């Protein structure tokens, strides 16, 4: 009686296994495997497996084959301690098939190589698609920044760092000062080169910056509102103010919003790359403009000055600037406030220009004429500093000062 086609097929498969250095598989094994949904993994394949057992010397993983795979020896040693502690029985993990069947019949697996392989695949996919990847600065060297893509260390050469970062580091040469403060910051990058054989992954922030900045700006414009407080970096200075990068969009701090004191140019108090805290004043979503203030994050000196200085009071000051209509003087102890001495209050006789009476840098005793907190002005007089009409007020002020000195001495002696 001739053998049936089924048994002919089983016999043929058995014959094919002979001479391969492994025990011939039983003719029924393939049928059993097919019925149970089991399949032997191939070398270099990545599978998702379920941890079946964990011991100090090995990790057994169910990979859907006829036997469990094992992570042991060097492959187990390659798993860092933190990752090993995070593993648990029943957990699904990706594994790389190092050997589908070693001489002991084990399926040898690697957890580290699985993650690495998937990360390289991610890098290659990003290179092909040119999608923007949101990474984090993990380190630096003298040539640029290190950004991780998964667990791979990608490198951004200095020439590929974004313009915003380069502005922050103008004139700085030392790597730890130039790049060190950027560790932990977000970095939007594109992959521009992948070479597995050389373990080389090159990234570009410049290639991604325009696209990512637009996306970040739209997101920021949608969520930001007046009154918000943000950290930012000065990216450029102009006669009319300073532009601040607040993490996705640039905002303008007008010259009048930089400081409570009089500022002629932003460079007097700010420099490119400087970190500042700003308050959002207004948001124009249609024109994509953001108005910011630095001075409003500081105490308004006029909230104190209106009670500190009264008309008729004597103060000491320094002439800071001369104009046709008078002279400005900084009152001692008030770094952010200047008062105006009108030209008519500089001398008892008529003068054509303030330089006839005072000069910049000159120390003077002045009389307070008026304090106007609403208009943020203090009117001062030089000619009335020794006027007899204020004699009584001067005696009262002197007596008050002497009382304060006496009380101070008593406290120190006590």
Protein backbone atom coordinates (compact mmCIF):
# COMPACT_ATOMS: atom_id res chain seq x y z
CA UNK A 1 0.00 0.00 0.00
CA UNK A 2 1.48 3.41 -1.04
CA UNK A 3 2.13 5.98 1.74
CA UNK A 4 -0.31 8.84 1.99
CA UNK A 5 0.75 12.39 0.82
CA UNK A 6 0.65 13.58 4.47
CA UNK A 7 3.24 11.06 5.68
CA UNK A 8 5.38 11.68 2.60
CA UNK A 9 5.54 15.40 3.61
CA UNK A 10 6.47 14.57 7.21
CA UNK A 11 9.19 12.14 6.05
CA UNK A 12 10.62 14.76 3.67
CA UNK A 13 10.86 17.37 6.48
CA UNK A 14 12.64 14.84 8.71
CA UNK A 15 15.19 14.07 5.99
CA UNK A 16 15.89 17.80 5.50
CA UNK A 17 16.91 18.14 9.17
CA UNK A 18 19.55 15.43 8.96
CA UNK A 19 23.18 16.53 9.02
CA UNK A 20 22.48 20.00 10.45
CA UNK A 21 24.08 19.36 13.81
CA UNK A 22 20.75 19.26 15.64
CA UNK A 23 18.51 16.43 16.66
CA UNK A 24 15.99 15.64 13.91
CA UNK A 25 12.60 17.05 14.70
CA UNK A 26 9.79 14.62 15.15
CA UNK A 27 7.49 14.59 12.09
CA UNK A 28 4.61 15.66 14.30
CA UNK A 29 6.46 18.68 15.82
CA UNK A 30 5.83 21.10 12.94
CA UNK A 31 2.17 20.21 12.97
CA UNK A 32 1.99 20.74 16.73
CA UNK A 33 3.81 24.08 16.45
CA UNK A 34 1.48 25.24 13.70
CA UNK A 35 -1.58 24.25 15.68
CA UNK A 36 -0.35 25.99 18.85
CA UNK A 37 0.69 29.21 17.12
CA UNK A 38 4.36 28.74 18.16
CA UNK A 39 7.18 29.78 15.85
CA UNK A 40 10.94 29.59 16.18
CA UNK A 41 12.56 33.07 16.26
CA UNK A 42 15.24 33.96 13.76
CA UNK A 43 18.69 35.31 14.54
CA UNK A 44 18.60 39.13 14.78
CA UNK A 45 14.81 39.18 15.16
CA UNK A 46 13.20 41.47 17.73
CA UNK A 47 10.18 40.14 19.57
CA UNK A 48 8.01 41.27 22.44
CA UNK A 49 8.25 38.68 25.20
CA UNK A 50 6.75 38.20 28.65
CA UNK A 51 9.09 37.73 31.63
CA UNK A 52 8.48 34.25 33.11
CA UNK A 53 11.14 34.16 35.82
CA UNK A 54 13.89 36.35 37.26
CA UNK A 55 16.91 34.98 39.14
CA UNK A 56 20.29 36.58 39.95
CA UNK A 57 21.89 34.68 37.08
CA UNK A 58 19.23 34.74 34.36
CA UNK A 59 15.92 36.08 33.13
CA UNK A 60 13.55 33.67 31.37
CA UNK A 61 11.28 35.19 28.74
CA UNK A 62 8.31 33.65 26.91
CA UNK A 63 8.79 34.67 23.27
CA UNK A 64 6.03 32.50 21.80
CA UNK A 65 8.36 29.63 20.89
CA UNK A 66 8.35 25.98 22.00
CA UNK A 67 10.74 26.91 24.82
CA UNK A 68 11.50 30.02 26.81
CA UNK A 69 14.35 32.32 25.87
CA UNK A 70 17.04 33.30 28.33
CA UNK A 71 18.94 36.50 29.08
CA UNK A 72 22.14 35.46 30.85
CA UNK A 73 25.89 35.94 30.99
CA UNK A 74 27.23 39.00 29.19
CA UNK A 75 23.77 39.98 27.96
CA UNK A 76 22.49 40.09 31.53
CA UNK A 77 25.56 42.00 32.72
CA UNK A 78 24.89 44.64 30.04
CA UNK A 79 21.56 45.55 31.69
CA UNK A 80 22.18 48.40 34.13
CA UNK A 81 21.12 48.00 37.75
CA UNK A 82 18.25 50.50 37.56
CA UNK A 83 16.75 48.73 34.53
CA UNK A 84 17.06 45.32 36.22
CA UNK A 85 15.27 46.55 39.32
CA UNK A 86 12.41 47.84 37.13
CA UNK A 87 11.80 44.38 35.61
CA UNK A 88 9.01 42.16 36.96
CA UNK A 89 7.47 38.78 36.19
CA UNK A 90 4.59 39.18 33.74
CA UNK A 91 6.08 42.34 32.24
CA UNK A 92 6.25 42.61 28.43
CA UNK A 93 9.68 43.61 27.13
CA UNK A 94 11.36 43.78 23.71
CA UNK A 95 14.14 41.21 23.22
CA UNK A 96 16.74 40.67 20.51
CA UNK A 97 17.42 37.10 19.38
CA UNK A 98 21.19 36.58 19.67
CA UNK A 99 21.01 32.84 18.91
CA UNK A 100 17.77 30.94 18.16
CA UNK A 101 19.36 27.76 19.53
CA UNK A 102 22.76 27.53 21.21
CA UNK A 103 24.62 24.25 21.82
CA UNK A 104 22.55 23.71 24.94
CA UNK A 105 19.31 24.18 23.01
CA UNK A 106 18.55 27.60 24.57
CA UNK A 107 17.14 30.63 22.79
CA UNK A 108 19.67 33.33 23.73
CA UNK A 109 18.16 36.81 24.09
CA UNK A 110 19.38 40.36 24.72
CA UNK A 111 17.38 43.20 26.25
CA UNK A 112 19.99 45.90 25.66
CA UNK A 113 20.47 45.03 22.00
CA UNK A 114 16.70 45.04 21.46
CA UNK A 115 16.41 48.57 22.76
CA UNK A 116 19.48 49.62 20.79
CA UNK A 117 18.14 48.03 17.60
CA UNK A 118 14.79 49.79 18.01
CA UNK A 119 16.54 53.08 18.66
CA UNK A 120 18.63 52.69 15.49
CA UNK A 121 15.46 51.86 13.59
CA UNK A 122 13.85 55.00 15.02
CA UNK A 123 16.88 57.06 13.93
CA UNK A 124 16.73 55.61 10.41
CA UNK A 125 12.99 56.27 10.21
CA UNK A 126 13.56 59.88 11.34
CA UNK A 127 16.29 60.30 8.72
CA UNK A 128 13.98 59.00 6.01
CA UNK A 129 10.90 60.98 7.07
CA UNK A 130 12.78 64.12 8.19
CA UNK A 131 10.36 64.47 11.07
CA UNK A 132 11.37 66.74 13.95
CA UNK A 133 12.38 64.85 17.11
CA UNK A 134 11.93 66.44 20.53
CA UNK A 135 14.96 65.42 22.58
CA UNK A 136 16.83 66.68 25.61
CA UNK A 137 20.39 67.95 25.94
CA UNK A 138 22.20 65.21 27.88
CA UNK A 139 25.79 66.43 27.65
CA UNK A 140 28.39 68.28 25.61
CA UNK A 141 31.96 68.31 24.38
CA UNK A 142 34.09 71.06 22.90
CA UNK A 143 32.52 70.48 19.49
CA UNK A 144 28.84 70.64 20.34
CA UNK A 145 25.91 69.12 22.22
CA UNK A 146 24.85 65.54 23.01
CA UNK A 147 21.14 64.76 22.62
CA UNK A 148 19.74 61.28 23.24
CA UNK A 149 17.49 59.60 20.69
CA UNK A 150 16.07 56.80 22.79
CA UNK A 151 19.25 55.49 24.44
CA UNK A 152 21.50 56.45 21.52
CA UNK A 153 23.82 59.43 21.92
CA UNK A 154 23.23 61.80 19.03
CA UNK A 155 25.64 64.65 18.35
CA UNK A 156 24.78 68.21 17.31
CA UNK A 157 27.93 69.87 15.92
CA UNK A 158 28.34 73.53 16.88
CA UNK A 159 27.60 74.48 13.26
CA UNK A 160 24.20 72.76 13.55
CA UNK A 161 23.18 74.35 16.86
CA UNK A 162 20.23 76.73 16.55
CA UNK A 163 20.75 80.44 16.07
CA UNK A 164 19.03 81.15 19.39
CA UNK A 165 21.56 79.03 21.30
CA UNK A 166 24.51 80.55 19.42
CA UNK A 167 23.33 84.04 20.31
CA UNK A 168 23.33 83.06 23.98
CA UNK A 169 26.96 81.92 23.78
CA UNK A 170 28.52 84.72 21.74
CA UNK A 171 32.05 85.44 22.93
CA UNK A 172 32.19 82.39 25.24
CA UNK A 173 34.93 79.86 24.46
CA UNK A 174 35.11 77.44 27.42
CA UNK A 175 32.81 74.42 26.68
CA UNK A 176 31.56 74.16 30.27
CA UNK A 177 30.46 77.82 30.16
CA UNK A 178 29.27 77.69 26.57
CA UNK A 179 27.25 74.46 26.68
CA UNK A 180 27.08 73.35 30.33
CA UNK A 181 24.05 75.43 31.29
CA UNK A 182 22.05 73.87 28.43
CA UNK A 183 22.00 70.36 29.92
CA UNK A 184 18.41 69.35 30.55
CA UNK A 185 16.99 71.81 28.03
CA UNK A 186 14.64 70.67 25.28
CA UNK A 187 16.13 70.36 21.79
CA UNK A 188 14.09 70.03 18.60
CA UNK A 189 16.29 68.24 16.05
CA UNK A 190 16.34 66.46 12.72
CA UNK A 191 18.50 63.42 11.97
CA UNK A 192 20.95 64.21 9.16
CA UNK A 193 23.28 61.17 9.28
CA UNK A 194 23.03 57.57 10.53
CA UNK A 195 25.99 55.17 10.39
CA UNK A 196 25.54 52.08 12.56
CA UNK A 197 28.93 50.61 11.69
CA UNK A 198 30.68 53.68 13.12
CA UNK A 199 28.12 54.18 15.90
CA UNK A 200 27.52 57.62 14.41
CA UNK A 201 24.29 59.61 14.77
CA UNK A 202 24.44 63.26 13.67
CA UNK A 203 21.62 65.69 14.46
CA UNK A 204 20.80 69.23 13.40
CA UNK A 205 18.94 71.78 15.45
CA UNK A 206 19.24 74.37 12.68
CA UNK A 207 17.41 72.13 10.20
CA UNK A 208 14.57 71.69 12.65
CA UNK A 209 14.55 75.16 14.19
CA UNK A 210 12.40 76.98 11.64
CA UNK A 211 9.76 74.26 11.54
CA UNK A 212 9.82 73.57 15.28
CA UNK A 213 9.94 77.25 16.22
CA UNK A 214 6.80 77.90 14.22
CA UNK A 215 5.03 74.99 15.92
CA UNK A 216 6.27 76.08 19.36
CA UNK A 217 5.27 79.67 18.67
CA UNK A 218 1.73 78.68 17.69
CA UNK A 219 1.45 76.56 20.84
CA UNK A 220 2.82 79.33 23.04
CA UNK A 221 0.59 82.00 21.49
CA UNK A 222 -2.44 79.81 22.14
CA UNK A 223 -1.71 79.30 25.84
CA UNK A 224 0.12 82.44 27.00
CA UNK A 225 -1.83 85.33 28.55
CA UNK A 226 -1.20 88.77 30.14
CA UNK A 227 0.11 88.45 33.67
CA UNK A 228 2.03 85.23 33.03
CA UNK A 229 5.61 85.15 34.29
CA UNK A 230 8.28 83.45 32.18
CA UNK A 231 12.03 82.87 32.15
CA UNK A 232 13.82 83.86 28.97
CA UNK A 233 17.08 84.84 27.33
CA UNK A 234 18.02 88.11 25.65
CA UNK A 235 18.60 87.34 21.97
CA UNK A 236 19.06 90.85 20.53
CA UNK A 237 19.10 94.52 21.49
CA UNK A 238 17.71 97.48 19.55
CA UNK A 239 17.39 101.22 20.22
CA UNK A 240 13.72 100.74 21.10
CA UNK A 241 14.05 97.68 23.36
CA UNK A 242 15.18 94.08 23.79
CA UNK A 243 13.95 90.83 22.20
CA UNK A 244 13.57 87.93 24.61
CA UNK A 245 13.28 84.22 23.72
CA UNK A 246 10.73 82.82 26.16
CA UNK A 247 10.95 79.20 25.03
CA UNK A 248 9.25 78.96 21.67
CA UNK A 249 8.64 82.57 20.69
CA UNK A 250 10.32 85.96 20.86
CA UNK A 251 8.76 88.80 22.81
CA UNK A 252 9.66 92.50 22.93
CA UNK A 253 10.52 94.40 26.08
CA UNK A 254 10.10 98.05 25.13
CA UNK A 255 12.76 100.46 26.35
CA UNK A 256 10.29 101.92 28.84
CA UNK A 257 9.64 98.47 30.35
CA UNK A 258 13.26 97.48 30.97
CA UNK A 259 13.86 99.35 34.23
CA UNK A 260 12.22 101.78 36.62
CA UNK A 261 15.20 104.07 36.20
CA UNK A 262 15.84 106.11 33.09
CA UNK A 263 17.56 104.02 30.39
CA UNK A 264 18.86 105.48 27.14
CA UNK A 265 19.70 102.14 25.52
CA UNK A 266 19.02 98.49 26.53
CA UNK A 267 22.76 97.75 26.53
CA UNK A 268 23.08 99.85 29.70
CA UNK A 269 21.43 97.08 31.74
CA UNK A 270 21.16 94.03 29.46
CA UNK A 271 23.44 91.88 27.32
CA UNK A 272 22.78 89.19 24.71
CA UNK A 273 22.50 85.74 26.28
CA UNK A 274 21.49 87.08 29.71
CA UNK A 275 18.72 85.18 31.50
CA UNK A 276 15.84 87.37 32.63
CA UNK A 277 12.43 87.00 34.23
CA UNK A 278 9.62 88.75 32.38
CA UNK A 279 5.92 89.44 32.79
CA UNK A 280 3.58 89.18 29.81
CA UNK A 281 1.89 92.53 29.15
CA UNK A 282 -0.10 91.78 26.00
CA UNK A 283 -0.53 89.09 23.34
CA UNK A 284 -1.47 89.90 19.72
CA UNK A 285 -2.30 86.48 18.26
CA UNK A 286 -3.19 87.81 14.81
CA UNK A 287 0.11 89.65 14.38
CA UNK A 288 1.96 87.04 16.48
CA UNK A 289 3.48 89.62 18.82
CA UNK A 290 4.10 89.40 22.56
CA UNK A 291 4.73 92.43 24.77
CA UNK A 292 6.90 91.82 27.84
CA UNK A 293 8.18 93.72 30.86
CA UNK A 294 11.26 93.21 33.01
CA UNK A 295 10.74 96.09 35.42
CA UNK A 296 7.33 94.84 36.57
CA UNK A 297 9.03 91.84 38.13
CA UNK A 298 10.76 94.31 40.46
CA UNK A 299 9.25 96.51 43.16
CA UNK A 300 8.02 99.85 41.88
CA UNK A 301 10.21 102.35 43.78
CA UNK A 302 7.46 104.97 43.62
CA UNK A 303 5.30 102.95 46.01
CA UNK A 304 7.89 103.82 48.68
CA UNK A 305 9.04 107.25 47.49
CA UNK A 306 5.64 108.90 47.84
CA UNK A 307 5.81 108.38 51.61
CA UNK A 308 9.57 108.73 51.99
CA UNK A 309 9.99 112.23 50.55
CA UNK A 310 7.96 115.36 51.30
CA UNK A 311 7.99 118.87 49.88
CA UNK A 312 10.59 121.01 51.67
CA UNK A 313 12.82 118.07 52.66
CA UNK A 314 16.60 118.33 52.15
CA UNK A 315 18.36 115.48 50.30
CA UNK A 316 21.85 114.71 49.06
CA UNK A 317 22.36 113.82 45.42
CA UNK A 318 24.63 113.61 42.39
CA UNK A 319 24.14 115.42 39.08
CA UNK A 320 23.75 112.74 36.39
CA UNK A 321 22.78 114.63 33.23
CA UNK A 322 22.45 118.17 31.88
CA UNK A 323 19.81 119.29 29.37
CA UNK A 324 18.70 122.68 28.05
CA UNK A 325 15.78 122.78 30.48
CA UNK A 326 17.61 121.67 33.60
CA UNK A 327 19.67 118.97 35.32
CA UNK A 328 18.85 115.46 36.52
CA UNK A 329 20.11 114.33 39.91
CA UNK A 330 20.17 110.90 41.52
CA UNK A 331 19.15 111.05 45.16
CA UNK A 332 21.48 109.16 47.50
CA UNK A 333 20.19 105.67 48.22
CA UNK A 334 17.79 105.62 45.26
CA UNK A 335 19.43 103.71 42.41
CA UNK A 336 16.37 103.68 40.16
CA UNK A 337 15.03 107.22 40.69
CA UNK A 338 16.20 110.60 39.46
CA UNK A 339 14.76 114.03 40.16
CA UNK A 340 14.73 117.08 37.91
CA UNK A 341 16.19 120.43 38.85
CA UNK A 342 14.59 122.90 36.46
CA UNK A 343 16.98 125.52 35.07
CA UNK A 344 15.09 128.17 37.03
CA UNK A 345 15.86 126.29 40.28
CA UNK A 346 19.62 126.02 39.77
CA UNK A 347 20.69 129.55 40.72
CA UNK A 348 19.36 132.79 42.20
CA UNK A 349 20.25 134.62 38.99
CA UNK A 350 19.08 133.80 35.47
CA UNK A 351 21.34 131.36 33.57
CA UNK A 352 21.21 130.27 29.92
CA UNK A 353 22.32 126.68 30.47
CA UNK A 354 22.62 124.37 33.51
CA UNK A 355 26.37 123.95 32.89
CA UNK A 356 26.80 127.47 34.21
CA UNK A 357 25.72 126.23 37.66
CA UNK A 358 26.52 122.50 37.92
CA UNK A 359 28.41 119.70 36.18
CA UNK A 360 27.82 115.98 35.76
CA UNK A 361 29.10 113.97 38.72
CA UNK A 362 28.91 116.94 41.11
CA UNK A 363 27.63 116.23 44.64
CA UNK A 364 24.94 118.67 45.77
CA UNK A 365 22.43 119.35 48.57
CA UNK A 366 18.93 119.73 47.16
CA UNK A 367 15.48 120.76 48.32
CA UNK A 368 12.48 118.57 47.43
CA UNK A 369 9.80 120.76 45.82
CA UNK A 370 7.23 118.19 44.72
CA UNK A 371 6.70 114.41 44.59
CA UNK A 372 4.27 113.24 41.89
CA UNK A 373 3.97 109.42 42.01
CA UNK A 374 1.36 109.33 39.23
CA UNK A 375 3.68 111.06 36.76
CA UNK A 376 6.74 109.51 38.44
CA UNK A 377 8.48 112.82 38.94
CA UNK A 378 10.38 114.50 41.76
CA UNK A 379 10.96 118.23 41.46
CA UNK A 380 14.18 119.45 43.11
CA UNK A 381 15.81 122.81 43.75
CA UNK A 382 19.43 123.73 44.26
CA UNK A 383 18.93 127.43 44.92
CA UNK A 384 16.40 126.80 47.69
CA UNK A 385 18.62 124.35 49.57
CA UNK A 386 19.82 127.19 51.86
CA UNK A 387 16.66 129.31 51.69
CA UNK A 388 15.55 130.94 54.97
CA UNK A 389 11.91 130.17 54.19
CA UNK A 390 12.60 126.52 55.06
CA UNK A 391 14.52 127.22 58.27
CA UNK A 392 11.84 125.81 60.57
CA UNK A 393 11.44 122.69 58.43
CA UNK A 394 15.22 122.21 58.34
CA UNK A 395 15.45 122.45 62.15
CA UNK A 396 12.70 119.84 62.48
CA UNK A 397 14.47 117.54 60.04
CA UNK A 398 17.79 118.02 61.84
CA UNK A 399 16.19 117.27 65.22
CA UNK A 400 14.56 114.14 63.80
CA UNK A 401 17.89 112.97 62.40
CA UNK A 402 19.62 113.54 65.75
CA UNK A 403 16.90 111.56 67.54
CA UNK A 404 17.39 108.65 65.13
CA UNK A 405 21.16 108.71 65.73
CA UNK A 406 20.65 108.76 69.51
CA UNK A 407 18.22 105.84 69.40
CA UNK A 408 20.65 103.91 67.23
CA UNK A 409 23.47 104.48 69.72
CA UNK A 410 21.25 103.38 72.62
CA UNK A 411 20.36 100.17 70.80
CA UNK A 412 24.01 99.38 70.05
CA UNK A 413 25.04 99.99 73.67
CA UNK A 414 22.18 97.82 74.93
